[in-house]
Amino acid sequence: MSAPPQDGSSLLAALVKSLAAIGALSVGAAARRAASTAGCYAIVALLFAVSLCFLTFASYRALELAMGSIQASLIVGCACLFLALVAALALQVRRR
């Protein structure tokens, strides 16, 4: 007698392999998009940080010329502390 036909099991195996390949391609594309998005956000965050440094230094220099270095340091330091506390409060409220 002849062996039973293997067409059903090989078709199922080919279908599983095809689905696995499509899934792997989809995951790869999603990972590339996520990495690209994260890189863009990192660039934007870096530009924000640099601009914040320049603005802080410019405000310090303006206050220093108007009031003196001690008062300027106190004002800029307190402003940064206040902004940090507001940001921490916003993070705590957002988590609840």
PDB file of N, CA and C in Angstrom:
ATOM      1  N   MET A   1       0.823  -1.165   0.000  1.00  0.00           N
ATOM      2  CA  MET A   1       0.000   0.000   0.000  1.00  0.00           C
ATOM      3  C   MET A   1       0.881   1.248   0.000  1.00  0.00           C
ATOM      4  N   SER A   2       0.264   2.340  -0.344  1.00  0.00           N
ATOM      5  CA  SER A   2       1.019   3.590  -0.385  1.00  0.00           C
ATOM      6  C   SER A   2       0.857   4.348   0.932  1.00  0.00           C
ATOM      7  N   ALA A   3       1.763   5.283   1.196  1.00  0.00           N
ATOM      8  CA  ALA A   3       1.734   6.073   2.437  1.00  0.00           C
ATOM      9  C   ALA A   3       0.607   7.099   2.359  1.00  0.00           C
ATOM     10  N   PRO A   4       0.054   7.482   3.509  1.00  0.00           N
ATOM     11  CA  PRO A   4      -1.020   8.478   3.487  1.00  0.00           C
ATOM     12  C   PRO A   4      -0.492   9.822   2.985  1.00  0.00           C
ATOM     13  N   PRO A   5      -1.312  10.600   2.341  1.00  0.00           N
ATOM     14  CA  PRO A   5      -0.856  11.890   1.802  1.00  0.00           C
ATOM     15  C   PRO A   5      -0.508  12.876   2.918  1.00  0.00           C
ATOM     16  N   GLN A   6       0.560  13.616   2.711  1.00  0.00           N
ATOM     17  CA  GLN A   6       1.069  14.581   3.691  1.00  0.00           C
ATOM     18  C   GLN A   6       0.676  16.015   3.333  1.00  0.00           C
ATOM     19  N   ASP A   7      -0.234  16.176   2.406  1.00  0.00           N
ATOM     20  CA  ASP A   7      -0.558  17.523   1.924  1.00  0.00           C
ATOM     21  C   ASP A   7      -1.159  18.410   3.018  1.00  0.00           C
ATOM     22  N   GLY A   8      -2.004  17.880   3.869  1.00  0.00           N
ATOM     23  CA  GLY A   8      -2.653  18.669   4.911  1.00  0.00           C
ATOM     24  C   GLY A   8      -1.663  19.210   5.928  1.00  0.00           C
ATOM     25  N   SER A   9      -0.733  18.402   6.382  1.00  0.00           N
ATOM     26  CA  SER A   9       0.214  18.854   7.403  1.00  0.00           C
ATOM     27  C   SER A   9       1.252  19.808   6.830  1.00  0.00           C
ATOM     28  N   SER A  10       1.679  19.622   5.589  1.00  0.00           N
ATOM     29  CA  SER A  10       2.657  20.533   5.005  1.00  0.00           C
ATOM     30  C   SER A  10       2.017  21.877   4.689  1.00  0.00           C
ATOM     31  N   LEU A  11       0.747  21.882   4.339  1.00  0.00           N
ATOM     32  CA  LEU A  11       0.050  23.133   4.091  1.00  0.00           C
ATOM     33  C   LEU A  11      -0.086  23.928   5.402  1.00  0.00           C
ATOM     34  N   LEU A  12      -0.404  23.219   6.491  1.00  0.00           N
ATOM     35  CA  LEU A  12      -0.517  23.869   7.788  1.00  0.00           C
ATOM     36  C   LEU A  12       0.839  24.422   8.245  1.00  0.00           C
ATOM     37  N   ALA A  13       1.899  23.672   8.026  1.00  0.00           N
ATOM     38  CA  ALA A  13       3.236  24.134   8.395  1.00  0.00           C
ATOM     39  C   ALA A  13       3.638  25.364   7.586  1.00  0.00           C
ATOM     40  N   ALA A  14       3.318  25.352   6.293  1.00  0.00           N
ATOM     41  CA  ALA A  14       3.636  26.505   5.451  1.00  0.00           C
ATOM     42  C   ALA A  14       2.841  27.730   5.892  1.00  0.00           C
ATOM     43  N   LEU A  15       1.585  27.525   6.279  1.00  0.00           N
ATOM     44  CA  LEU A  15       0.757  28.633   6.747  1.00  0.00           C
ATOM     45  C   LEU A  15       1.305  29.213   8.047  1.00  0.00           C
ATOM     46  N   VAL A  16       1.732  28.361   8.978  1.00  0.00           N
ATOM     47  CA  VAL A  16       2.304  28.819  10.246  1.00  0.00           C
ATOM     48  C   VAL A  16       3.606  29.577   9.996  1.00  0.00           C
ATOM     49  N   LYS A  17       4.436  29.075   9.085  1.00  0.00           N
ATOM     50  CA  LYS A  17       5.691  29.762   8.767  1.00  0.00           C
ATOM     51  C   LYS A  17       5.418  31.119   8.143  1.00  0.00           C
ATOM     52  N   SER A  18       4.417  31.191   7.269  1.00  0.00           N
ATOM     53  CA  SER A  18       4.071  32.463   6.628  1.00  0.00           C
ATOM     54  C   SER A  18       3.562  33.469   7.653  1.00  0.00           C
ATOM     55  N   LEU A  19       2.706  33.018   8.558  1.00  0.00           N
ATOM     56  CA  LEU A  19       2.200  33.909   9.597  1.00  0.00           C
ATOM     57  C   LEU A  19       3.326  34.385  10.523  1.00  0.00           C
ATOM     58  N   ALA A  20       4.255  33.510  10.836  1.00  0.00           N
ATOM     59  CA  ALA A  20       5.392  33.887  11.677  1.00  0.00           C
ATOM     60  C   ALA A  20       6.268  34.920  10.968  1.00  0.00           C
ATOM     61  N   ALA A  21       6.461  34.748   9.664  1.00  0.00           N
ATOM     62  CA  ALA A  21       7.280  35.702   8.911  1.00  0.00           C
ATOM     63  C   ALA A  21       6.597  37.067   8.848  1.00  0.00           C
ATOM     64  N   ILE A  22       5.286  37.069   8.614  1.00  0.00           N
ATOM     65  CA  ILE A  22       4.550  38.334   8.565  1.00  0.00           C
ATOM     66  C   ILE A  22       4.576  39.007   9.938  1.00  0.00           C
ATOM     67  N   GLY A  23       4.428  38.230  10.996  1.00  0.00           N
ATOM     68  CA  GLY A  23       4.489  38.785  12.350  1.00  0.00           C
ATOM     69  C   GLY A  23       5.856  39.376  12.657  1.00  0.00           C
ATOM     70  N   ALA A  24       6.908  38.694  12.242  1.00  0.00           N
ATOM     71  CA  ALA A  24       8.256  39.202  12.489  1.00  0.00           C
ATOM     72  C   ALA A  24       8.498  40.503  11.734  1.00  0.00           C
ATOM     73  N   LEU A  25       8.009  40.588  10.500  1.00  0.00           N
ATOM     74  CA  LEU A  25       8.159  41.826   9.733  1.00  0.00           C
ATOM     75  C   LEU A  25       7.370  42.965  10.375  1.00  0.00           C
ATOM     76  N   SER A  26       6.186  42.667  10.866  1.00  0.00           N
ATOM     77  CA  SER A  26       5.365  43.689  11.514  1.00  0.00           C
ATOM     78  C   SER A  26       6.030  44.193  12.794  1.00  0.00           C
ATOM     79  N   VAL A  27       6.573  43.283  13.580  1.00  0.00           N
ATOM     80  CA  VAL A  27       7.261  43.669  14.812  1.00  0.00           C
ATOM     81  C   VAL A  27       8.496  44.503  14.488  1.00  0.00           C
ATOM     82  N   GLY A  28       9.228  44.128  13.457  1.00  0.00           N
ATOM     83  CA  GLY A  28      10.414  44.888  13.057  1.00  0.00           C
ATOM     84  C   GLY A  28      10.061  46.298  12.624  1.00  0.00           C
ATOM     85  N   ALA A  29       8.983  46.438  11.842  1.00  0.00           N
ATOM     86  CA  ALA A  29       8.559  47.765  11.396  1.00  0.00           C
ATOM     87  C   ALA A  29       8.094  48.612  12.573  1.00  0.00           C
ATOM     88  N   ALA A  30       7.363  48.004  13.492  1.00  0.00           N
ATOM     89  CA  ALA A  30       6.902  48.748  14.673  1.00  0.00           C
ATOM     90  C   ALA A  30       8.082  49.176  15.535  1.00  0.00           C
ATOM     91  N   ALA A  31       9.079  48.321  15.670  1.00  0.00           N
ATOM     92  CA  ALA A  31      10.260  48.667  16.466  1.00  0.00           C
ATOM     93  C   ALA A  31      11.030  49.820  15.824  1.00  0.00           C
ATOM     94  N   ARG A  32      11.142  49.806  14.503  1.00  0.00           N
ATOM     95  CA  ARG A  32      11.828  50.903  13.815  1.00  0.00           C
ATOM     96  C   ARG A  32      11.077  52.216  14.000  1.00  0.00           C
ATOM     97  N   ARG A  33       9.742  52.177  13.885  1.00  0.00           N
ATOM     98  CA  ARG A  33       8.949  53.393  14.089  1.00  0.00           C
ATOM     99  C   ARG A  33       9.080  53.905  15.518  1.00  0.00           C
ATOM    100  N   ALA A  34       9.069  52.998  16.481  1.00  0.00           N
ATOM    101  CA  ALA A  34       9.205  53.397  17.884  1.00  0.00           C
ATOM    102  C   ALA A  34      10.579  54.005  18.144  1.00  0.00           C
ATOM    103  N   ALA A  35      11.614  53.411  17.578  1.00  0.00           N
ATOM    104  CA  ALA A  35      12.965  53.945  17.761  1.00  0.00           C
ATOM    105  C   ALA A  35      13.098  55.319  17.107  1.00  0.00           C
ATOM    106  N   SER A  36      12.507  55.476  15.943  1.00  0.00           N
ATOM    107  CA  SER A  36      12.550  56.765  15.259  1.00  0.00           C
ATOM    108  C   SER A  36      11.818  57.835  16.064  1.00  0.00           C
ATOM    109  N   THR A  37      10.660  57.485  16.589  1.00  0.00           N
ATOM    110  CA  THR A  37       9.896  58.423  17.399  1.00  0.00           C
ATOM    111  C   THR A  37      10.650  58.787  18.667  1.00  0.00           C
ATOM    112  N   ALA A  38      11.242  57.799  19.329  1.00  0.00           N
ATOM    113  CA  ALA A  38      12.009  58.066  20.547  1.00  0.00           C
ATOM    114  C   ALA A  38      13.211  58.961  20.251  1.00  0.00           C
ATOM    115  N   GLY A  39      13.870  58.741  19.128  1.00  0.00           N
ATOM    116  CA  GLY A  39      14.997  59.585  18.741  1.00  0.00           C
ATOM    117  C   GLY A  39      14.576  61.024  18.492  1.00  0.00           C
ATOM    118  N   CYS A  40      13.434  61.199  17.831  1.00  0.00           N
ATOM    119  CA  CYS A  40      12.930  62.554  17.585  1.00  0.00           C
ATOM    120  C   CYS A  40      12.581  63.252  18.891  1.00  0.00           C
ATOM    121  N   TYR A  41      11.946  62.530  19.817  1.00  0.00           N
ATOM    122  CA  TYR A  41      11.625  63.123  21.114  1.00  0.00           C
ATOM    123  C   TYR A  41      12.896  63.467  21.879  1.00  0.00           C
ATOM    124  N   ALA A  42      13.931  62.665  21.757  1.00  0.00           N
ATOM    125  CA  ALA A  42      15.195  62.957  22.433  1.00  0.00           C
ATOM    126  C   ALA A  42      15.829  64.231  21.879  1.00  0.00           C
ATOM    127  N   ILE A  43      15.753  64.422  20.576  1.00  0.00           N
ATOM    128  CA  ILE A  43      16.296  65.645  19.967  1.00  0.00           C
ATOM    129  C   ILE A  43      15.522  66.859  20.446  1.00  0.00           C
ATOM    130  N   VAL A  44      14.186  66.745  20.476  1.00  0.00           N
ATOM    131  CA  VAL A  44      13.356  67.860  20.943  1.00  0.00           C
ATOM    132  C   VAL A  44      13.665  68.175  22.406  1.00  0.00           C
ATOM    133  N   ALA A  45      13.801  67.145  23.243  1.00  0.00           N
ATOM    134  CA  ALA A  45      14.114  67.362  24.657  1.00  0.00           C
ATOM    135  C   ALA A  45      15.475  68.037  24.823  1.00  0.00           C
ATOM    136  N   LEU A  46      16.440  67.636  24.009  1.00  0.00           N
ATOM    137  CA  LEU A  46      17.768  68.264  24.067  1.00  0.00           C
ATOM    138  C   LEU A  46      17.683  69.738  23.689  1.00  0.00           C
ATOM    139  N   LEU A  47      16.932  70.058  22.648  1.00  0.00           N
ATOM    140  CA  LEU A  47      16.788  71.458  22.249  1.00  0.00           C
ATOM    141  C   LEU A  47      16.077  72.273  23.325  1.00  0.00           C
ATOM    142  N   PHE A  48      15.063  71.679  23.971  1.00  0.00           N
ATOM    143  CA  PHE A  48      14.401  72.367  25.076  1.00  0.00           C
ATOM    144  C   PHE A  48      15.377  72.627  26.216  1.00  0.00           C
ATOM    145  N   ALA A  49      16.209  71.657  26.541  1.00  0.00           N
ATOM    146  CA  ALA A  49      17.169  71.819  27.635  1.00  0.00           C
ATOM    147  C   ALA A  49      18.183  72.908  27.323  1.00  0.00           C
ATOM    148  N   VAL A  50      18.673  72.931  26.096  1.00  0.00           N
ATOM    149  CA  VAL A  50      19.651  73.956  25.706  1.00  0.00           C
ATOM    150  C   VAL A  50      19.009  75.339  25.760  1.00  0.00           C
ATOM    151  N   SER A  51      17.786  75.455  25.247  1.00  0.00           N
ATOM    152  CA  SER A  51      17.123  76.761  25.271  1.00  0.00           C
ATOM    153  C   SER A  51      16.845  77.208  26.698  1.00  0.00           C
ATOM    154  N   LEU A  52      16.486  76.260  27.577  1.00  0.00           N
ATOM    155  CA  LEU A  52      16.257  76.603  28.980  1.00  0.00           C
ATOM    156  C   LEU A  52      17.543  77.114  29.631  1.00  0.00           C
ATOM    157  N   CYS A  53      18.669  76.490  29.303  1.00  0.00           N
ATOM    158  CA  CYS A  53      19.951  76.965  29.851  1.00  0.00           C
ATOM    159  C   CYS A  53      20.263  78.382  29.388  1.00  0.00           C
ATOM    160  N   PHE A  54      20.074  78.653  28.100  1.00  0.00           N
ATOM    161  CA  PHE A  54      20.360  79.991  27.589  1.00  0.00           C
ATOM    162  C   PHE A  54      19.410  81.026  28.186  1.00  0.00           C
ATOM    163  N   LEU A  55      18.126  80.677  28.290  1.00  0.00           N
ATOM    164  CA  LEU A  55      17.173  81.620  28.869  1.00  0.00           C
ATOM    165  C   LEU A  55      17.460  81.889  30.341  1.00  0.00           C
ATOM    166  N   THR A  56      17.833  80.852  31.072  1.00  0.00           N
ATOM    167  CA  THR A  56      18.159  81.032  32.483  1.00  0.00           C
ATOM    168  C   THR A  56      19.387  81.915  32.641  1.00  0.00           C
ATOM    169  N   PHE A  57      20.403  81.674  31.831  1.00  0.00           N
ATOM    170  CA  PHE A  57      21.616  82.483  31.921  1.00  0.00           C
ATOM    171  C   PHE A  57      21.344  83.927  31.532  1.00  0.00           C
ATOM    172  N   ALA A  58      20.519  84.127  30.492  1.00  0.00           N
ATOM    173  CA  ALA A  58      20.199  85.492  30.065  1.00  0.00           C
ATOM    174  C   ALA A  58      19.410  86.227  31.147  1.00  0.00           C
ATOM    175  N   SER A  59      18.470  85.539  31.765  1.00  0.00           N
ATOM    176  CA  SER A  59      17.706  86.203  32.830  1.00  0.00           C
ATOM    177  C   SER A  59      18.601  86.497  34.033  1.00  0.00           C
ATOM    178  N   TYR A  60      19.512  85.595  34.346  1.00  0.00           N
ATOM    179  CA  TYR A  60      20.450  85.837  35.449  1.00  0.00           C
ATOM    180  C   TYR A  60      21.303  87.069  35.158  1.00  0.00           C
ATOM    181  N   ARG A  61      21.824  87.140  33.938  1.00  0.00           N
ATOM    182  CA  ARG A  61      22.689  88.284  33.593  1.00  0.00           C
ATOM    183  C   ARG A  61      21.916  89.603  33.641  1.00  0.00           C
ATOM    184  N   ALA A  62      20.657  89.576  33.178  1.00  0.00           N
ATOM    185  CA  ALA A  62      19.854  90.797  33.210  1.00  0.00           C
ATOM    186  C   ALA A  62      19.575  91.217  34.653  1.00  0.00           C
ATOM    187  N   LEU A  63      19.224  90.256  35.496  1.00  0.00           N
ATOM    188  CA  LEU A  63      18.986  90.586  36.903  1.00  0.00           C
ATOM    189  C   LEU A  63      20.264  91.014  37.601  1.00  0.00           C
ATOM    190  N   GLU A  64      21.371  90.422  37.221  1.00  0.00           N
ATOM    191  CA  GLU A  64      22.649  90.786  37.829  1.00  0.00           C
ATOM    192  C   GLU A  64      23.012  92.234  37.507  1.00  0.00           C
ATOM    193  N   LEU A  65      22.773  92.625  36.273  1.00  0.00           N
ATOM    194  CA  LEU A  65      23.065  94.009  35.898  1.00  0.00           C
ATOM    195  C   LEU A  65      22.129  94.980  36.607  1.00  0.00           C
ATOM    196  N   ALA A  66      20.890  94.576  36.837  1.00  0.00           N
ATOM    197  CA  ALA A  66      19.913  95.477  37.444  1.00  0.00           C
ATOM    198  C   ALA A  66      20.009  95.506  38.962  1.00  0.00           C
ATOM    199  N   MET A  67      20.258  94.343  39.604  1.00  0.00           N
ATOM    200  CA  MET A  67      20.149  94.264  41.063  1.00  0.00           C
ATOM    201  C   MET A  67      21.428  93.866  41.778  1.00  0.00           C
ATOM    202  N   GLY A  68      22.302  93.181  41.129  1.00  0.00           N
ATOM    203  CA  GLY A  68      23.493  92.653  41.776  1.00  0.00           C
ATOM    204  C   GLY A  68      23.477  91.134  41.710  1.00  0.00           C
ATOM    205  N   SER A  69      24.644  90.540  41.924  1.00  0.00           N
ATOM    206  CA  SER A  69      24.771  89.100  41.706  1.00  0.00           C
ATOM    207  C   SER A  69      24.081  88.263  42.781  1.00  0.00           C
ATOM    208  N   ILE A  70      24.068  88.718  44.022  1.00  0.00           N
ATOM    209  CA  ILE A  70      23.467  87.914  45.091  1.00  0.00           C
ATOM    210  C   ILE A  70      21.960  87.820  44.914  1.00  0.00           C
ATOM    211  N   GLN A  71      21.313  88.963  44.677  1.00  0.00           N
ATOM    212  CA  GLN A  71      19.875  88.938  44.478  1.00  0.00           C
ATOM    213  C   GLN A  71      19.493  88.174  43.210  1.00  0.00           C
ATOM    214  N   ALA A  72      20.282  88.316  42.167  1.00  0.00           N
ATOM    215  CA  ALA A  72      19.996  87.608  40.917  1.00  0.00           C
ATOM    216  C   ALA A  72      20.090  86.102  41.119  1.00  0.00           C
ATOM    217  N   SER A  73      21.096  85.662  41.846  1.00  0.00           N
ATOM    218  CA  SER A  73      21.232  84.233  42.122  1.00  0.00           C
ATOM    219  C   SER A  73      20.043  83.714  42.923  1.00  0.00           C
ATOM    220  N   LEU A  74      19.620  84.471  43.911  1.00  0.00           N
ATOM    221  CA  LEU A  74      18.472  84.061  44.717  1.00  0.00           C
ATOM    222  C   LEU A  74      17.195  83.996  43.892  1.00  0.00           C
ATOM    223  N   ILE A  75      16.961  84.985  43.068  1.00  0.00           N
ATOM    224  CA  ILE A  75      15.735  85.009  42.256  1.00  0.00           C
ATOM    225  C   ILE A  75      15.719  83.862  41.265  1.00  0.00           C
ATOM    226  N   VAL A  76      16.808  83.652  40.535  1.00  0.00           N
ATOM    227  CA  VAL A  76      16.856  82.582  39.542  1.00  0.00           C
ATOM    228  C   VAL A  76      16.788  81.217  40.220  1.00  0.00           C
ATOM    229  N   GLY A  77      17.485  81.053  41.346  1.00  0.00           N
ATOM    230  CA  GLY A  77      17.428  79.785  42.069  1.00  0.00           C
ATOM    231  C   GLY A  77      16.042  79.470  42.587  1.00  0.00           C
ATOM    232  N   CYS A  78      15.364  80.480  43.140  1.00  0.00           N
ATOM    233  CA  CYS A  78      14.001  80.266  43.640  1.00  0.00           C
ATOM    234  C   CYS A  78      13.024  79.981  42.499  1.00  0.00           C
ATOM    235  N   ALA A  79      13.216  80.629  41.383  1.00  0.00           N
ATOM    236  CA  ALA A  79      12.346  80.372  40.230  1.00  0.00           C
ATOM    237  C   ALA A  79      12.523  78.930  39.738  1.00  0.00           C
ATOM    238  N   CYS A  80      13.755  78.464  39.678  1.00  0.00           N
ATOM    239  CA  CYS A  80      13.999  77.076  39.245  1.00  0.00           C
ATOM    240  C   CYS A  80      13.431  76.079  40.253  1.00  0.00           C
ATOM    241  N   LEU A  81      13.597  76.365  41.531  1.00  0.00           N
ATOM    242  CA  LEU A  81      13.038  75.496  42.572  1.00  0.00           C
ATOM    243  C   LEU A  81      11.517  75.451  42.477  1.00  0.00           C
ATOM    244  N   PHE A  82      10.891  76.599  42.286  1.00  0.00           N
ATOM    245  CA  PHE A  82       9.435  76.654  42.157  1.00  0.00           C
ATOM    246  C   PHE A  82       8.958  75.844  40.951  1.00  0.00           C
ATOM    247  N   LEU A  83       9.620  75.996  39.820  1.00  0.00           N
ATOM    248  CA  LEU A  83       9.236  75.238  38.628  1.00  0.00           C
ATOM    249  C   LEU A  83       9.423  73.737  38.829  1.00  0.00           C
ATOM    250  N   ALA A  84      10.479  73.344  39.519  1.00  0.00           N
ATOM    251  CA  ALA A  84      10.698  71.922  39.799  1.00  0.00           C
ATOM    252  C   ALA A  84       9.608  71.372  40.709  1.00  0.00           C
ATOM    253  N   LEU A  85       9.206  72.147  41.712  1.00  0.00           N
ATOM    254  CA  LEU A  85       8.132  71.708  42.603  1.00  0.00           C
ATOM    255  C   LEU A  85       6.797  71.603  41.878  1.00  0.00           C
ATOM    256  N   VAL A  86       6.519  72.533  41.001  1.00  0.00           N
ATOM    257  CA  VAL A  86       5.283  72.470  40.206  1.00  0.00           C
ATOM    258  C   VAL A  86       5.300  71.241  39.299  1.00  0.00           C
ATOM    259  N   ALA A  87       6.442  70.950  38.680  1.00  0.00           N
ATOM    260  CA  ALA A  87       6.544  69.767  37.817  1.00  0.00           C
ATOM    261  C   ALA A  87       6.363  68.485  38.622  1.00  0.00           C
ATOM    262  N   ALA A  88       6.944  68.431  39.828  1.00  0.00           N
ATOM    263  CA  ALA A  88       6.779  67.251  40.680  1.00  0.00           C
ATOM    264  C   ALA A  88       5.327  67.082  41.098  1.00  0.00           C
ATOM    265  N   LEU A  89       4.663  68.188  41.407  1.00  0.00           N
ATOM    266  CA  LEU A  89       3.246  68.130  41.765  1.00  0.00           C
ATOM    267  C   LEU A  89       2.397  67.650  40.590  1.00  0.00           C
ATOM    268  N   ALA A  90       2.705  68.128  39.400  1.00  0.00           N
ATOM    269  CA  ALA A  90       1.966  67.692  38.214  1.00  0.00           C
ATOM    270  C   ALA A  90       2.156  66.204  37.954  1.00  0.00           C
ATOM    271  N   LEU A  91       3.358  65.703  38.174  1.00  0.00           N
ATOM    272  CA  LEU A  91       3.596  64.263  38.009  1.00  0.00           C
ATOM    273  C   LEU A  91       2.830  63.439  39.034  1.00  0.00           C
ATOM    274  N   GLN A  92       2.773  63.936  40.258  1.00  0.00           N
ATOM    275  CA  GLN A  92       2.035  63.196  41.301  1.00  0.00           C
ATOM    276  C   GLN A  92       0.536  63.191  41.013  1.00  0.00           C
ATOM    277  N   VAL A  93       0.010  64.301  40.556  1.00  0.00           N
ATOM    278  CA  VAL A  93      -1.421  64.371  40.246  1.00  0.00           C
ATOM    279  C   VAL A  93      -1.751  63.475  39.053  1.00  0.00           C
ATOM    280  N   ARG A  94      -0.861  63.426  38.095  1.00  0.00           N
ATOM    281  CA  ARG A  94      -1.091  62.623  36.896  1.00  0.00           C
ATOM    282  C   ARG A  94      -1.069  61.123  37.197  1.00  0.00           C
ATOM    283  N   ARG A  95      -0.313  60.700  38.190  1.00  0.00           N
ATOM    284  CA  ARG A  95      -0.228  59.272  38.535  1.00  0.00           C
ATOM    285  C   ARG A  95      -1.448  58.778  39.283  1.00  0.00           C
ATOM    286  N   ARG A  96      -2.196  59.649  39.872  1.00  0.00           N
ATOM    287  CA  ARG A  96      -3.381  59.227  40.644  1.00  0.00           C
ATOM    288  C   ARG A  96      -4.598  59.099  39.788  1.00  0.00           C
TER     289      ARG A  96
END
